[in-house]
């Protein structure tokens, strides 16, 4: 749709006999990352304008030819670098300069190129945010569900490995968890995209509340993921050292993973996350019993990290920090 609309506007409305560049810019903008469409459009326009201006000035002064083309491209890219342009800006500046400096031309070609880029970018933004905007809640649902389920699954695997003192299983869980942890940045990008849609699209504005709610939860989930990674790491250390493992320790890790799953389900079902809090508090109960039975150095680190995860999950569920820390038995600094 963006390609067709930009072609039609450029050719039929503006009378440009060569409208190909407008749909190219439109497609490039749409194909960019969800959260970067506006920035990508601005970069493309900035690059095109820089290349067009440099090509116009240089060719007017010294004409066209291989040497002049090289000069135009070098100066266009240098201008983009000078103004701290990204790789996209430099590519567009160099490409536009190359095209315009390679043919005999007057000022009209540079103007037409810039005009087409502007049409393509504006049409792409209009299609993405006004005509066919993404469903922000669906975007969050798909991105978050996969991430939270993966972390919860590895916490369950870690609990099983700890209960059976299976070193290989614990190390395998750590490897899988590390891979998932590194990929979680994609979720952050999609949250930014969802917010961009609800802010710019009048058709999705009513979803702003749930997106803001998730943004609040996302900060605590990021901290929870980091502490959960520590849980898996120190579980491996506990098994390797042959430390005692009270039954409550793996049980608390399992309950924490279940709380993470329930938070995801409650959140997107727009339910009060009472089941999440119940599971989280059950994890703390199991943890207290494990401490009463006795844990050693690595086990103590696991205990502190489980409390940290539970505290973050309780805050993500909507509880104030002081209340969440009290329930998780986290001592104030």
C-alpha atoms as a PDB file:
ATOM      1  CA  UNK A   1       0.000   0.000   0.000  1.00  0.00           C
ATOM      2  CA  UNK A   2       2.788   2.435   0.869  1.00  0.00           C
ATOM      3  CA  UNK A   3       4.531   1.737  -2.437  1.00  0.00           C
ATOM      4  CA  UNK A   4       1.345   2.201  -4.481  1.00  0.00           C
ATOM      5  CA  UNK A   5       0.298   5.399  -2.718  1.00  0.00           C
ATOM      6  CA  UNK A   6       3.732   7.000  -2.958  1.00  0.00           C
ATOM      7  CA  UNK A   7       3.977   6.085  -6.661  1.00  0.00           C
ATOM      8  CA  UNK A   8       0.530   7.561  -7.359  1.00  0.00           C
ATOM      9  CA  UNK A   9       1.181  10.808  -5.467  1.00  0.00           C
ATOM     10  CA  UNK A  10       4.604  11.325  -7.028  1.00  0.00           C
ATOM     11  CA  UNK A  11       3.542  10.563 -10.605  1.00  0.00           C
ATOM     12  CA  UNK A  12      -0.078  11.672 -10.832  1.00  0.00           C
ATOM     13  CA  UNK A  13      -0.283  14.477  -8.283  1.00  0.00           C
ATOM     14  CA  UNK A  14       3.219  15.971  -8.493  1.00  0.00           C
ATOM     15  CA  UNK A  15       3.782  15.083 -12.161  1.00  0.00           C
ATOM     16  CA  UNK A  16       7.161  13.394 -11.679  1.00  0.00           C
ATOM     17  CA  UNK A  17       7.819  11.211 -14.744  1.00  0.00           C
ATOM     18  CA  UNK A  18      10.336   9.070 -12.783  1.00  0.00           C
ATOM     19  CA  UNK A  19       8.536   8.206  -9.515  1.00  0.00           C
ATOM     20  CA  UNK A  20      10.483   5.053  -8.660  1.00  0.00           C
ATOM     21  CA  UNK A  21      12.437   6.566  -5.778  1.00  0.00           C
ATOM     22  CA  UNK A  22       9.332   7.428  -3.735  1.00  0.00           C
ATOM     23  CA  UNK A  23       8.125   3.808  -3.375  1.00  0.00           C
ATOM     24  CA  UNK A  24      11.711   2.702  -2.761  1.00  0.00           C
ATOM     25  CA  UNK A  25      11.937   5.039   0.239  1.00  0.00           C
ATOM     26  CA  UNK A  26       8.460   3.962   1.397  1.00  0.00           C
ATOM     27  CA  UNK A  27       9.388   0.274   1.271  1.00  0.00           C
ATOM     28  CA  UNK A  28      12.721   0.939   3.003  1.00  0.00           C
ATOM     29  CA  UNK A  29      10.925   2.737   5.814  1.00  0.00           C
ATOM     30  CA  UNK A  30       8.267   0.050   6.264  1.00  0.00           C
ATOM     31  CA  UNK A  31      10.893  -2.698   6.157  1.00  0.00           C
ATOM     32  CA  UNK A  32      12.857  -1.092   8.986  1.00  0.00           C
ATOM     33  CA  UNK A  33      12.589  -2.214  12.592  1.00  0.00           C
ATOM     34  CA  UNK A  34       9.169  -1.458  14.114  1.00  0.00           C
ATOM     35  CA  UNK A  35      10.615   0.901  16.685  1.00  0.00           C
ATOM     36  CA  UNK A  36      12.812   2.803  14.202  1.00  0.00           C
ATOM     37  CA  UNK A  37      10.446   3.812  11.413  1.00  0.00           C
ATOM     38  CA  UNK A  38      10.340   7.513  12.148  1.00  0.00           C
ATOM     39  CA  UNK A  39      14.082   7.685  12.763  1.00  0.00           C
ATOM     40  CA  UNK A  40      14.722   5.663   9.600  1.00  0.00           C
ATOM     41  CA  UNK A  41      12.550   8.054   7.581  1.00  0.00           C
ATOM     42  CA  UNK A  42      14.370  11.093   8.955  1.00  0.00           C
ATOM     43  CA  UNK A  43      17.738   9.465   8.213  1.00  0.00           C
ATOM     44  CA  UNK A  44      16.760   8.659   4.646  1.00  0.00           C
ATOM     45  CA  UNK A  45      15.467  12.179   4.034  1.00  0.00           C
ATOM     46  CA  UNK A  46      18.552  13.747   5.613  1.00  0.00           C
ATOM     47  CA  UNK A  47      20.839  11.591   3.487  1.00  0.00           C
ATOM     48  CA  UNK A  48      18.942  12.329   0.283  1.00  0.00           C
ATOM     49  CA  UNK A  49      18.921  16.078   0.938  1.00  0.00           C
ATOM     50  CA  UNK A  50      22.639  16.116   1.771  1.00  0.00           C
ATOM     51  CA  UNK A  51      23.527  14.129  -1.350  1.00  0.00           C
ATOM     52  CA  UNK A  52      21.263  16.221  -3.575  1.00  0.00           C
ATOM     53  CA  UNK A  53      22.596  19.560  -2.298  1.00  0.00           C
ATOM     54  CA  UNK A  54      26.243  18.507  -2.607  1.00  0.00           C
ATOM     55  CA  UNK A  55      25.711  17.025  -6.078  1.00  0.00           C
ATOM     56  CA  UNK A  56      23.895  20.130  -7.285  1.00  0.00           C
ATOM     57  CA  UNK A  57      26.555  22.553  -6.006  1.00  0.00           C
ATOM     58  CA  UNK A  58      29.573  20.544  -7.179  1.00  0.00           C
ATOM     59  CA  UNK A  59      28.255  19.707 -10.659  1.00  0.00           C
ATOM     60  CA  UNK A  60      27.156  23.304 -11.208  1.00  0.00           C
ATOM     61  CA  UNK A  61      30.694  24.422 -10.349  1.00  0.00           C
ATOM     62  CA  UNK A  62      32.876  21.796 -12.099  1.00  0.00           C
ATOM     63  CA  UNK A  63      30.497  19.800 -14.309  1.00  0.00           C
ATOM     64  CA  UNK A  64      29.991  16.041 -14.496  1.00  0.00           C
ATOM     65  CA  UNK A  65      32.389  13.151 -15.017  1.00  0.00           C
ATOM     66  CA  UNK A  66      34.136  10.323 -13.185  1.00  0.00           C
ATOM     67  CA  UNK A  67      36.354  12.618 -11.111  1.00  0.00           C
ATOM     68  CA  UNK A  68      33.508  14.961 -10.259  1.00  0.00           C
ATOM     69  CA  UNK A  69      31.349  11.997  -9.260  1.00  0.00           C
ATOM     70  CA  UNK A  70      34.036  10.780  -6.862  1.00  0.00           C
ATOM     71  CA  UNK A  71      34.339  14.265  -5.373  1.00  0.00           C
ATOM     72  CA  UNK A  72      30.561  14.510  -4.921  1.00  0.00           C
ATOM     73  CA  UNK A  73      30.305  11.136  -3.177  1.00  0.00           C
ATOM     74  CA  UNK A  74      33.274  11.873  -0.899  1.00  0.00           C
ATOM     75  CA  UNK A  75      31.940  15.277   0.121  1.00  0.00           C
ATOM     76  CA  UNK A  76      28.377  13.988   0.595  1.00  0.00           C
ATOM     77  CA  UNK A  77      29.520  11.181   2.896  1.00  0.00           C
ATOM     78  CA  UNK A  78      31.881  13.542   4.738  1.00  0.00           C
ATOM     79  CA  UNK A  79      29.004  15.950   5.309  1.00  0.00           C
ATOM     80  CA  UNK A  80      26.924  13.122   6.788  1.00  0.00           C
ATOM     81  CA  UNK A  81      29.815  12.140   9.079  1.00  0.00           C
ATOM     82  CA  UNK A  82      30.373  15.761  10.089  1.00  0.00           C
ATOM     83  CA  UNK A  83      26.791  16.025  11.316  1.00  0.00           C
ATOM     84  CA  UNK A  84      27.114  12.675  13.143  1.00  0.00           C
ATOM     85  CA  UNK A  85      24.859  10.867  10.715  1.00  0.00           C
ATOM     86  CA  UNK A  86      24.322   7.128  11.068  1.00  0.00           C
ATOM     87  CA  UNK A  87      25.259   4.532   8.483  1.00  0.00           C
ATOM     88  CA  UNK A  88      21.829   4.990   6.893  1.00  0.00           C
ATOM     89  CA  UNK A  89      22.381   8.735   6.437  1.00  0.00           C
ATOM     90  CA  UNK A  90      25.828   8.161   4.907  1.00  0.00           C
ATOM     91  CA  UNK A  91      24.512   5.493   2.544  1.00  0.00           C
ATOM     92  CA  UNK A  92      21.683   7.707   1.317  1.00  0.00           C
ATOM     93  CA  UNK A  93      23.948  10.745   0.970  1.00  0.00           C
ATOM     94  CA  UNK A  94      26.543   8.805  -1.001  1.00  0.00           C
ATOM     95  CA  UNK A  95      23.960   7.000  -3.147  1.00  0.00           C
ATOM     96  CA  UNK A  96      22.065  10.168  -3.996  1.00  0.00           C
ATOM     97  CA  UNK A  97      25.264  12.041  -4.776  1.00  0.00           C
ATOM     98  CA  UNK A  98      26.413   9.191  -7.013  1.00  0.00           C
ATOM     99  CA  UNK A  99      23.163   9.113  -8.948  1.00  0.00           C
ATOM    100  CA  UNK A 100      22.841  12.842  -9.452  1.00  0.00           C
ATOM    101  CA  UNK A 101      26.507  13.438 -10.253  1.00  0.00           C
ATOM    102  CA  UNK A 102      26.544  10.675 -12.873  1.00  0.00           C
ATOM    103  CA  UNK A 103      24.167  12.398 -15.275  1.00  0.00           C
ATOM    104  CA  UNK A 104      24.015  15.827 -16.825  1.00  0.00           C
ATOM    105  CA  UNK A 105      21.368  17.616 -14.852  1.00  0.00           C
ATOM    106  CA  UNK A 106      19.997  20.909 -13.749  1.00  0.00           C
ATOM    107  CA  UNK A 107      18.497  21.797 -10.410  1.00  0.00           C
ATOM    108  CA  UNK A 108      15.210  20.051 -11.227  1.00  0.00           C
ATOM    109  CA  UNK A 109      16.586  16.518 -10.826  1.00  0.00           C
ATOM    110  CA  UNK A 110      17.877  17.199  -7.322  1.00  0.00           C
ATOM    111  CA  UNK A 111      14.570  18.780  -6.356  1.00  0.00           C
ATOM    112  CA  UNK A 112      12.603  15.876  -7.797  1.00  0.00           C
ATOM    113  CA  UNK A 113      14.742  13.331  -5.951  1.00  0.00           C
ATOM    114  CA  UNK A 114      14.275  15.145  -2.646  1.00  0.00           C
ATOM    115  CA  UNK A 115      10.567  15.576  -3.300  1.00  0.00           C
ATOM    116  CA  UNK A 116      10.167  11.860  -4.031  1.00  0.00           C
ATOM    117  CA  UNK A 117      12.035  10.926  -0.850  1.00  0.00           C
ATOM    118  CA  UNK A 118       9.783  13.181   1.177  1.00  0.00           C
ATOM    119  CA  UNK A 119       6.644  11.683  -0.364  1.00  0.00           C
ATOM    120  CA  UNK A 120       7.855   8.112   0.211  1.00  0.00           C
ATOM    121  CA  UNK A 121       8.741   8.754   3.844  1.00  0.00           C
ATOM    122  CA  UNK A 122       5.541  10.600   4.703  1.00  0.00           C
ATOM    123  CA  UNK A 123       3.361   7.996   2.989  1.00  0.00           C
ATOM    124  CA  UNK A 124       5.151   5.168   4.807  1.00  0.00           C
ATOM    125  CA  UNK A 125       4.580   6.837   8.188  1.00  0.00           C
ATOM    126  CA  UNK A 126       0.925   7.475   7.300  1.00  0.00           C
ATOM    127  CA  UNK A 127       0.376   3.838   6.340  1.00  0.00           C
ATOM    128  CA  UNK A 128       2.217   2.499   9.398  1.00  0.00           C
ATOM    129  CA  UNK A 129       0.511   4.699  11.983  1.00  0.00           C
ATOM    130  CA  UNK A 130      -2.759   5.929  10.467  1.00  0.00           C
ATOM    131  CA  UNK A 131      -4.027   3.550   7.786  1.00  0.00           C
ATOM    132  CA  UNK A 132      -2.793   0.101   8.864  1.00  0.00           C
ATOM    133  CA  UNK A 133      -1.280   0.473  12.350  1.00  0.00           C
ATOM    134  CA  UNK A 134      -0.026  -2.563  14.224  1.00  0.00           C
ATOM    135  CA  UNK A 135      -2.026  -3.867  17.160  1.00  0.00           C
ATOM    136  CA  UNK A 136       0.329  -2.854  20.008  1.00  0.00           C
ATOM    137  CA  UNK A 137      -1.117  -5.341  22.493  1.00  0.00           C
ATOM    138  CA  UNK A 138      -0.637  -8.196  20.038  1.00  0.00           C
ATOM    139  CA  UNK A 139       2.964  -7.100  19.475  1.00  0.00           C
ATOM    140  CA  UNK A 140       3.603  -7.089  23.229  1.00  0.00           C
ATOM    141  CA  UNK A 141       1.805 -10.405  23.663  1.00  0.00           C
ATOM    142  CA  UNK A 142       3.948 -12.201  21.108  1.00  0.00           C
ATOM    143  CA  UNK A 143       7.257 -10.681  22.165  1.00  0.00           C
ATOM    144  CA  UNK A 144       6.784 -10.873  25.917  1.00  0.00           C
ATOM    145  CA  UNK A 145       5.160 -14.276  26.001  1.00  0.00           C
ATOM    146  CA  UNK A 146       8.091 -15.943  24.290  1.00  0.00           C
ATOM    147  CA  UNK A 147      10.658 -14.268  26.532  1.00  0.00           C
ATOM    148  CA  UNK A 148       8.871 -14.841  29.830  1.00  0.00           C
ATOM    149  CA  UNK A 149       8.034 -18.441  28.978  1.00  0.00           C
ATOM    150  CA  UNK A 150      11.672 -19.152  28.120  1.00  0.00           C
ATOM    151  CA  UNK A 151      12.917 -17.722  31.419  1.00  0.00           C
ATOM    152  CA  UNK A 152      10.239 -19.565  33.393  1.00  0.00           C
ATOM    153  CA  UNK A 153      11.066 -22.824  31.610  1.00  0.00           C
ATOM    154  CA  UNK A 154      14.747 -22.565  32.490  1.00  0.00           C
ATOM    155  CA  UNK A 155      13.961 -21.782  36.118  1.00  0.00           C
ATOM    156  CA  UNK A 156      11.902 -24.994  36.243  1.00  0.00           C
ATOM    157  CA  UNK A 157      14.788 -26.919  34.659  1.00  0.00           C
ATOM    158  CA  UNK A 158      17.175 -25.364  37.191  1.00  0.00           C
ATOM    159  CA  UNK A 159      14.930 -26.384  40.086  1.00  0.00           C
ATOM    160  CA  UNK A 160      14.839 -29.965  38.809  1.00  0.00           C
ATOM    161  CA  UNK A 161      18.624 -30.042  38.354  1.00  0.00           C
ATOM    162  CA  UNK A 162      19.156 -28.723  41.876  1.00  0.00           C
ATOM    163  CA  UNK A 163      16.704 -31.175  43.418  1.00  0.00           C
ATOM    164  CA  UNK A 164      18.504 -34.107  41.750  1.00  0.00           C
ATOM    165  CA  UNK A 165      21.974 -32.538  42.128  1.00  0.00           C
ATOM    166  CA  UNK A 166      22.423 -33.059  38.392  1.00  0.00           C
ATOM    167  CA  UNK A 167      25.424 -30.950  37.404  1.00  0.00           C
ATOM    168  CA  UNK A 168      25.078 -31.524  33.647  1.00  0.00           C
ATOM    169  CA  UNK A 169      21.421 -30.577  33.646  1.00  0.00           C
ATOM    170  CA  UNK A 170      22.215 -27.412  35.622  1.00  0.00           C
ATOM    171  CA  UNK A 171      25.003 -26.434  33.218  1.00  0.00           C
ATOM    172  CA  UNK A 172      22.719 -27.045  30.216  1.00  0.00           C
ATOM    173  CA  UNK A 173      20.065 -24.814  31.777  1.00  0.00           C
ATOM    174  CA  UNK A 174      22.684 -22.094  32.302  1.00  0.00           C
ATOM    175  CA  UNK A 175      23.722 -22.226  28.634  1.00  0.00           C
ATOM    176  CA  UNK A 176      20.118 -22.001  27.436  1.00  0.00           C
ATOM    177  CA  UNK A 177      19.345 -19.239  29.913  1.00  0.00           C
ATOM    178  CA  UNK A 178      22.369 -17.216  28.791  1.00  0.00           C
ATOM    179  CA  UNK A 179      21.244 -17.431  25.174  1.00  0.00           C
ATOM    180  CA  UNK A 180      17.719 -16.307  26.068  1.00  0.00           C
ATOM    181  CA  UNK A 181      19.073 -13.526  28.268  1.00  0.00           C
ATOM    182  CA  UNK A 182      21.123 -12.117  25.389  1.00  0.00           C
ATOM    183  CA  UNK A 183      18.083 -12.136  23.090  1.00  0.00           C
ATOM    184  CA  UNK A 184      15.812 -10.258  25.489  1.00  0.00           C
ATOM    185  CA  UNK A 185      16.778  -6.911  23.910  1.00  0.00           C
ATOM    186  CA  UNK A 186      14.396  -7.727  21.053  1.00  0.00           C
ATOM    187  CA  UNK A 187      11.545  -7.492  23.529  1.00  0.00           C
ATOM    188  CA  UNK A 188      12.715  -4.014  24.531  1.00  0.00           C
ATOM    189  CA  UNK A 189      12.631  -2.906  20.875  1.00  0.00           C
ATOM    190  CA  UNK A 190       9.106  -4.227  20.424  1.00  0.00           C
ATOM    191  CA  UNK A 191       7.907  -2.446  23.566  1.00  0.00           C
ATOM    192  CA  UNK A 192       9.270   0.794  22.082  1.00  0.00           C
ATOM    193  CA  UNK A 193       7.446   0.027  18.833  1.00  0.00           C
ATOM    194  CA  UNK A 194       4.168  -0.597  20.644  1.00  0.00           C
ATOM    195  CA  UNK A 195       4.472   2.705  22.497  1.00  0.00           C
ATOM    196  CA  UNK A 196       5.226   4.514  19.254  1.00  0.00           C
ATOM    197  CA  UNK A 197       2.077   3.092  17.679  1.00  0.00           C
ATOM    198  CA  UNK A 198      -0.254   4.047  20.548  1.00  0.00           C
ATOM    199  CA  UNK A 199       1.189   7.566  20.709  1.00  0.00           C
ATOM    200  CA  UNK A 200       1.005   8.294  16.969  1.00  0.00           C
ATOM    201  CA  UNK A 201      -2.042   6.295  15.881  1.00  0.00           C
ATOM    202  CA  UNK A 202      -5.456   7.692  16.873  1.00  0.00           C
ATOM    203  CA  UNK A 203      -6.966   4.251  16.226  1.00  0.00           C
ATOM    204  CA  UNK A 204      -4.691   2.643  18.867  1.00  0.00           C
ATOM    205  CA  UNK A 205      -4.701   5.433  21.453  1.00  0.00           C
ATOM    206  CA  UNK A 206      -7.105   3.542  23.705  1.00  0.00           C
ATOM    207  CA  UNK A 207      -4.367   0.939  24.244  1.00  0.00           C
ATOM    208  CA  UNK A 208      -2.039   3.514  25.798  1.00  0.00           C
ATOM    209  CA  UNK A 209      -2.942   2.487  29.346  1.00  0.00           C
ATOM    210  CA  UNK A 210      -1.979  -1.168  28.932  1.00  0.00           C
ATOM    211  CA  UNK A 211       1.238  -0.242  27.105  1.00  0.00           C
ATOM    212  CA  UNK A 212       2.216   2.115  29.931  1.00  0.00           C
ATOM    213  CA  UNK A 213       1.357  -0.591  32.424  1.00  0.00           C
ATOM    214  CA  UNK A 214       3.651  -2.996  30.648  1.00  0.00           C
ATOM    215  CA  UNK A 215       6.432  -0.400  30.416  1.00  0.00           C
ATOM    216  CA  UNK A 216       6.280  -0.128  34.209  1.00  0.00           C
ATOM    217  CA  UNK A 217       6.409  -3.919  34.530  1.00  0.00           C
ATOM    218  CA  UNK A 218       9.206  -4.211  31.962  1.00  0.00           C
ATOM    219  CA  UNK A 219      11.663  -2.300  34.163  1.00  0.00           C
ATOM    220  CA  UNK A 220      11.136  -4.778  36.990  1.00  0.00           C
ATOM    221  CA  UNK A 221      11.165  -7.773  34.663  1.00  0.00           C
ATOM    222  CA  UNK A 222      14.555  -6.702  33.318  1.00  0.00           C
ATOM    223  CA  UNK A 223      15.921  -6.713  36.878  1.00  0.00           C
ATOM    224  CA  UNK A 224      14.200 -10.048  37.523  1.00  0.00           C
ATOM    225  CA  UNK A 225      15.826 -11.605  34.439  1.00  0.00           C
ATOM    226  CA  UNK A 226      19.267 -10.493  35.614  1.00  0.00           C
ATOM    227  CA  UNK A 227      18.732 -11.965  39.081  1.00  0.00           C
ATOM    228  CA  UNK A 228      17.273 -15.142  37.572  1.00  0.00           C
ATOM    229  CA  UNK A 229      20.457 -15.559  35.530  1.00  0.00           C
ATOM    230  CA  UNK A 230      22.387 -15.359  38.807  1.00  0.00           C
ATOM    231  CA  UNK A 231      20.109 -18.029  40.307  1.00  0.00           C
ATOM    232  CA  UNK A 232      20.995 -20.467  37.529  1.00  0.00           C
ATOM    233  CA  UNK A 233      24.702 -19.594  37.713  1.00  0.00           C
ATOM    234  CA  UNK A 234      24.910 -20.120  41.476  1.00  0.00           C
ATOM    235  CA  UNK A 235      22.820 -23.277  41.263  1.00  0.00           C
ATOM    236  CA  UNK A 236      25.578 -24.740  39.109  1.00  0.00           C
ATOM    237  CA  UNK A 237      28.104 -23.629  41.737  1.00  0.00           C
ATOM    238  CA  UNK A 238      26.021 -25.213  44.526  1.00  0.00           C
ATOM    239  CA  UNK A 239      25.895 -28.570  42.739  1.00  0.00           C
ATOM    240  CA  UNK A 240      29.579 -28.480  41.820  1.00  0.00           C
ATOM    241  CA  UNK A 241      30.575 -27.754  45.436  1.00  0.00           C
ATOM    242  CA  UNK A 242      28.374 -30.554  46.760  1.00  0.00           C
ATOM    243  CA  UNK A 243      26.658 -28.220  49.196  1.00  0.00           C
ATOM    244  CA  UNK A 244      23.539 -29.369  51.041  1.00  0.00           C
ATOM    245  CA  UNK A 245      20.285 -28.709  49.190  1.00  0.00           C
ATOM    246  CA  UNK A 246      17.248 -28.436  51.480  1.00  0.00           C
ATOM    247  CA  UNK A 247      13.995 -29.371  49.673  1.00  0.00           C
ATOM    248  CA  UNK A 248      12.695 -25.827  50.007  1.00  0.00           C
ATOM    249  CA  UNK A 249      15.481 -24.365  47.835  1.00  0.00           C
ATOM    250  CA  UNK A 250      14.597 -26.020  44.497  1.00  0.00           C
ATOM    251  CA  UNK A 251      10.907 -25.711  45.394  1.00  0.00           C
ATOM    252  CA  UNK A 252      11.287 -21.937  45.781  1.00  0.00           C
ATOM    253  CA  UNK A 253      12.934 -21.679  42.340  1.00  0.00           C
ATOM    254  CA  UNK A 254      10.101 -23.708  40.807  1.00  0.00           C
ATOM    255  CA  UNK A 255       7.475 -21.488  42.447  1.00  0.00           C
ATOM    256  CA  UNK A 256       9.293 -18.390  41.153  1.00  0.00           C
ATOM    257  CA  UNK A 257       9.157 -19.726  37.600  1.00  0.00           C
ATOM    258  CA  UNK A 258       5.435 -20.410  37.992  1.00  0.00           C
ATOM    259  CA  UNK A 259       4.888 -16.865  39.285  1.00  0.00           C
ATOM    260  CA  UNK A 260       6.590 -15.521  36.158  1.00  0.00           C
ATOM    261  CA  UNK A 261       4.271 -17.561  33.917  1.00  0.00           C
ATOM    262  CA  UNK A 262       1.186 -16.439  35.823  1.00  0.00           C
ATOM    263  CA  UNK A 263       2.216 -12.777  35.652  1.00  0.00           C
ATOM    264  CA  UNK A 264       2.267 -12.981  31.869  1.00  0.00           C
ATOM    265  CA  UNK A 265      -1.162 -14.659  31.712  1.00  0.00           C
ATOM    266  CA  UNK A 266      -2.792 -12.325  34.239  1.00  0.00           C
ATOM    267  CA  UNK A 267      -1.340  -9.233  32.659  1.00  0.00           C
ATOM    268  CA  UNK A 268      -2.600  -9.856  29.137  1.00  0.00           C
ATOM    269  CA  UNK A 269      -5.928 -11.178  30.369  1.00  0.00           C
ATOM    270  CA  UNK A 270      -6.356  -7.837  32.189  1.00  0.00           C
ATOM    271  CA  UNK A 271      -6.874  -9.706  35.490  1.00  0.00           C
ATOM    272  CA  UNK A 272      -5.721  -8.694  38.930  1.00  0.00           C
ATOM    273  CA  UNK A 273      -2.438 -10.643  39.333  1.00  0.00           C
ATOM    274  CA  UNK A 274      -3.453 -12.294  42.607  1.00  0.00           C
ATOM    275  CA  UNK A 275      -2.289 -15.783  41.469  1.00  0.00           C
ATOM    276  CA  UNK A 276       1.134 -14.313  40.659  1.00  0.00           C
ATOM    277  CA  UNK A 277       1.456 -12.875  44.145  1.00  0.00           C
ATOM    278  CA  UNK A 278       0.261 -16.126  45.738  1.00  0.00           C
ATOM    279  CA  UNK A 279       2.946 -18.121  43.908  1.00  0.00           C
ATOM    280  CA  UNK A 280       5.591 -15.533  44.716  1.00  0.00           C
ATOM    281  CA  UNK A 281       4.763 -15.653  48.422  1.00  0.00           C
ATOM    282  CA  UNK A 282       4.792 -19.445  48.306  1.00  0.00           C
ATOM    283  CA  UNK A 283       8.330 -19.200  46.907  1.00  0.00           C
ATOM    284  CA  UNK A 284       9.347 -17.051  49.893  1.00  0.00           C
ATOM    285  CA  UNK A 285       7.791 -19.555  52.303  1.00  0.00           C
ATOM    286  CA  UNK A 286       9.774 -22.405  50.736  1.00  0.00           C
ATOM    287  CA  UNK A 287      12.879 -20.219  50.846  1.00  0.00           C
ATOM    288  CA  UNK A 288      12.489 -19.499  54.553  1.00  0.00           C
ATOM    289  CA  UNK A 289      12.144 -23.224  55.252  1.00  0.00           C
ATOM    290  CA  UNK A 290      15.329 -23.877  53.253  1.00  0.00           C
ATOM    291  CA  UNK A 291      17.196 -21.282  55.282  1.00  0.00           C
ATOM    292  CA  UNK A 292      15.929 -22.872  58.507  1.00  0.00           C
ATOM    293  CA  UNK A 293      17.266 -26.238  57.319  1.00  0.00           C
ATOM    294  CA  UNK A 294      20.628 -24.673  56.515  1.00  0.00           C
ATOM    295  CA  UNK A 295      22.386 -23.590  53.314  1.00  0.00           C
ATOM    296  CA  UNK A 296      26.038 -22.826  52.639  1.00  0.00           C
ATOM    297  CA  UNK A 297      27.831 -20.125  50.622  1.00  0.00           C
ATOM    298  CA  UNK A 298      26.532 -20.726  47.076  1.00  0.00           C
ATOM    299  CA  UNK A 299      23.130 -21.697  48.427  1.00  0.00           C
ATOM    300  CA  UNK A 300      22.951 -18.399  50.309  1.00  0.00           C
ATOM    301  CA  UNK A 301      23.580 -16.515  47.054  1.00  0.00           C
ATOM    302  CA  UNK A 302      20.759 -18.468  45.410  1.00  0.00           C
ATOM    303  CA  UNK A 303      18.495 -17.518  48.327  1.00  0.00           C
ATOM    304  CA  UNK A 304      19.293 -13.800  47.985  1.00  0.00           C
ATOM    305  CA  UNK A 305      18.747 -13.891  44.208  1.00  0.00           C
ATOM    306  CA  UNK A 306      15.392 -15.679  44.550  1.00  0.00           C
ATOM    307  CA  UNK A 307      14.262 -12.995  46.989  1.00  0.00           C
ATOM    308  CA  UNK A 308      15.364 -10.332  44.497  1.00  0.00           C
ATOM    309  CA  UNK A 309      13.379 -11.949  41.659  1.00  0.00           C
ATOM    310  CA  UNK A 310      10.279 -12.288  43.820  1.00  0.00           C
ATOM    311  CA  UNK A 311      10.568  -8.647  44.910  1.00  0.00           C
ATOM    312  CA  UNK A 312      10.739  -7.505  41.281  1.00  0.00           C
ATOM    313  CA  UNK A 313       7.794  -9.717  40.254  1.00  0.00           C
ATOM    314  CA  UNK A 314       5.679  -8.320  43.076  1.00  0.00           C
ATOM    315  CA  UNK A 315       6.500  -4.787  41.952  1.00  0.00           C
ATOM    316  CA  UNK A 316       5.726  -5.712  38.345  1.00  0.00           C
ATOM    317  CA  UNK A 317       2.350  -6.960  39.563  1.00  0.00           C
ATOM    318  CA  UNK A 318       1.603  -3.486  40.912  1.00  0.00           C
ATOM    319  CA  UNK A 319       2.775  -3.499  44.534  1.00  0.00           C
ATOM    320  CA  UNK A 320       4.856  -0.582  45.861  1.00  0.00           C
ATOM    321  CA  UNK A 321       8.562  -1.255  46.331  1.00  0.00           C
ATOM    322  CA  UNK A 322       8.440  -1.093  50.131  1.00  0.00           C
ATOM    323  CA  UNK A 323       5.558  -3.588  50.295  1.00  0.00           C
ATOM    324  CA  UNK A 324       7.153  -5.927  47.751  1.00  0.00           C
ATOM    325  CA  UNK A 325      10.473  -5.932  49.605  1.00  0.00           C
ATOM    326  CA  UNK A 326       8.722  -6.580  52.919  1.00  0.00           C
ATOM    327  CA  UNK A 327       6.859  -9.572  51.509  1.00  0.00           C
ATOM    328  CA  UNK A 328      10.012 -10.921  49.878  1.00  0.00           C
ATOM    329  CA  UNK A 329      11.907 -10.465  53.171  1.00  0.00           C
ATOM    330  CA  UNK A 330      14.450  -8.187  51.515  1.00  0.00           C
ATOM    331  CA  UNK A 331      16.266  -6.083  54.087  1.00  0.00           C
ATOM    332  CA  UNK A 332      16.579  -2.366  53.265  1.00  0.00           C
ATOM    333  CA  UNK A 333      20.074  -1.146  52.413  1.00  0.00           C
END
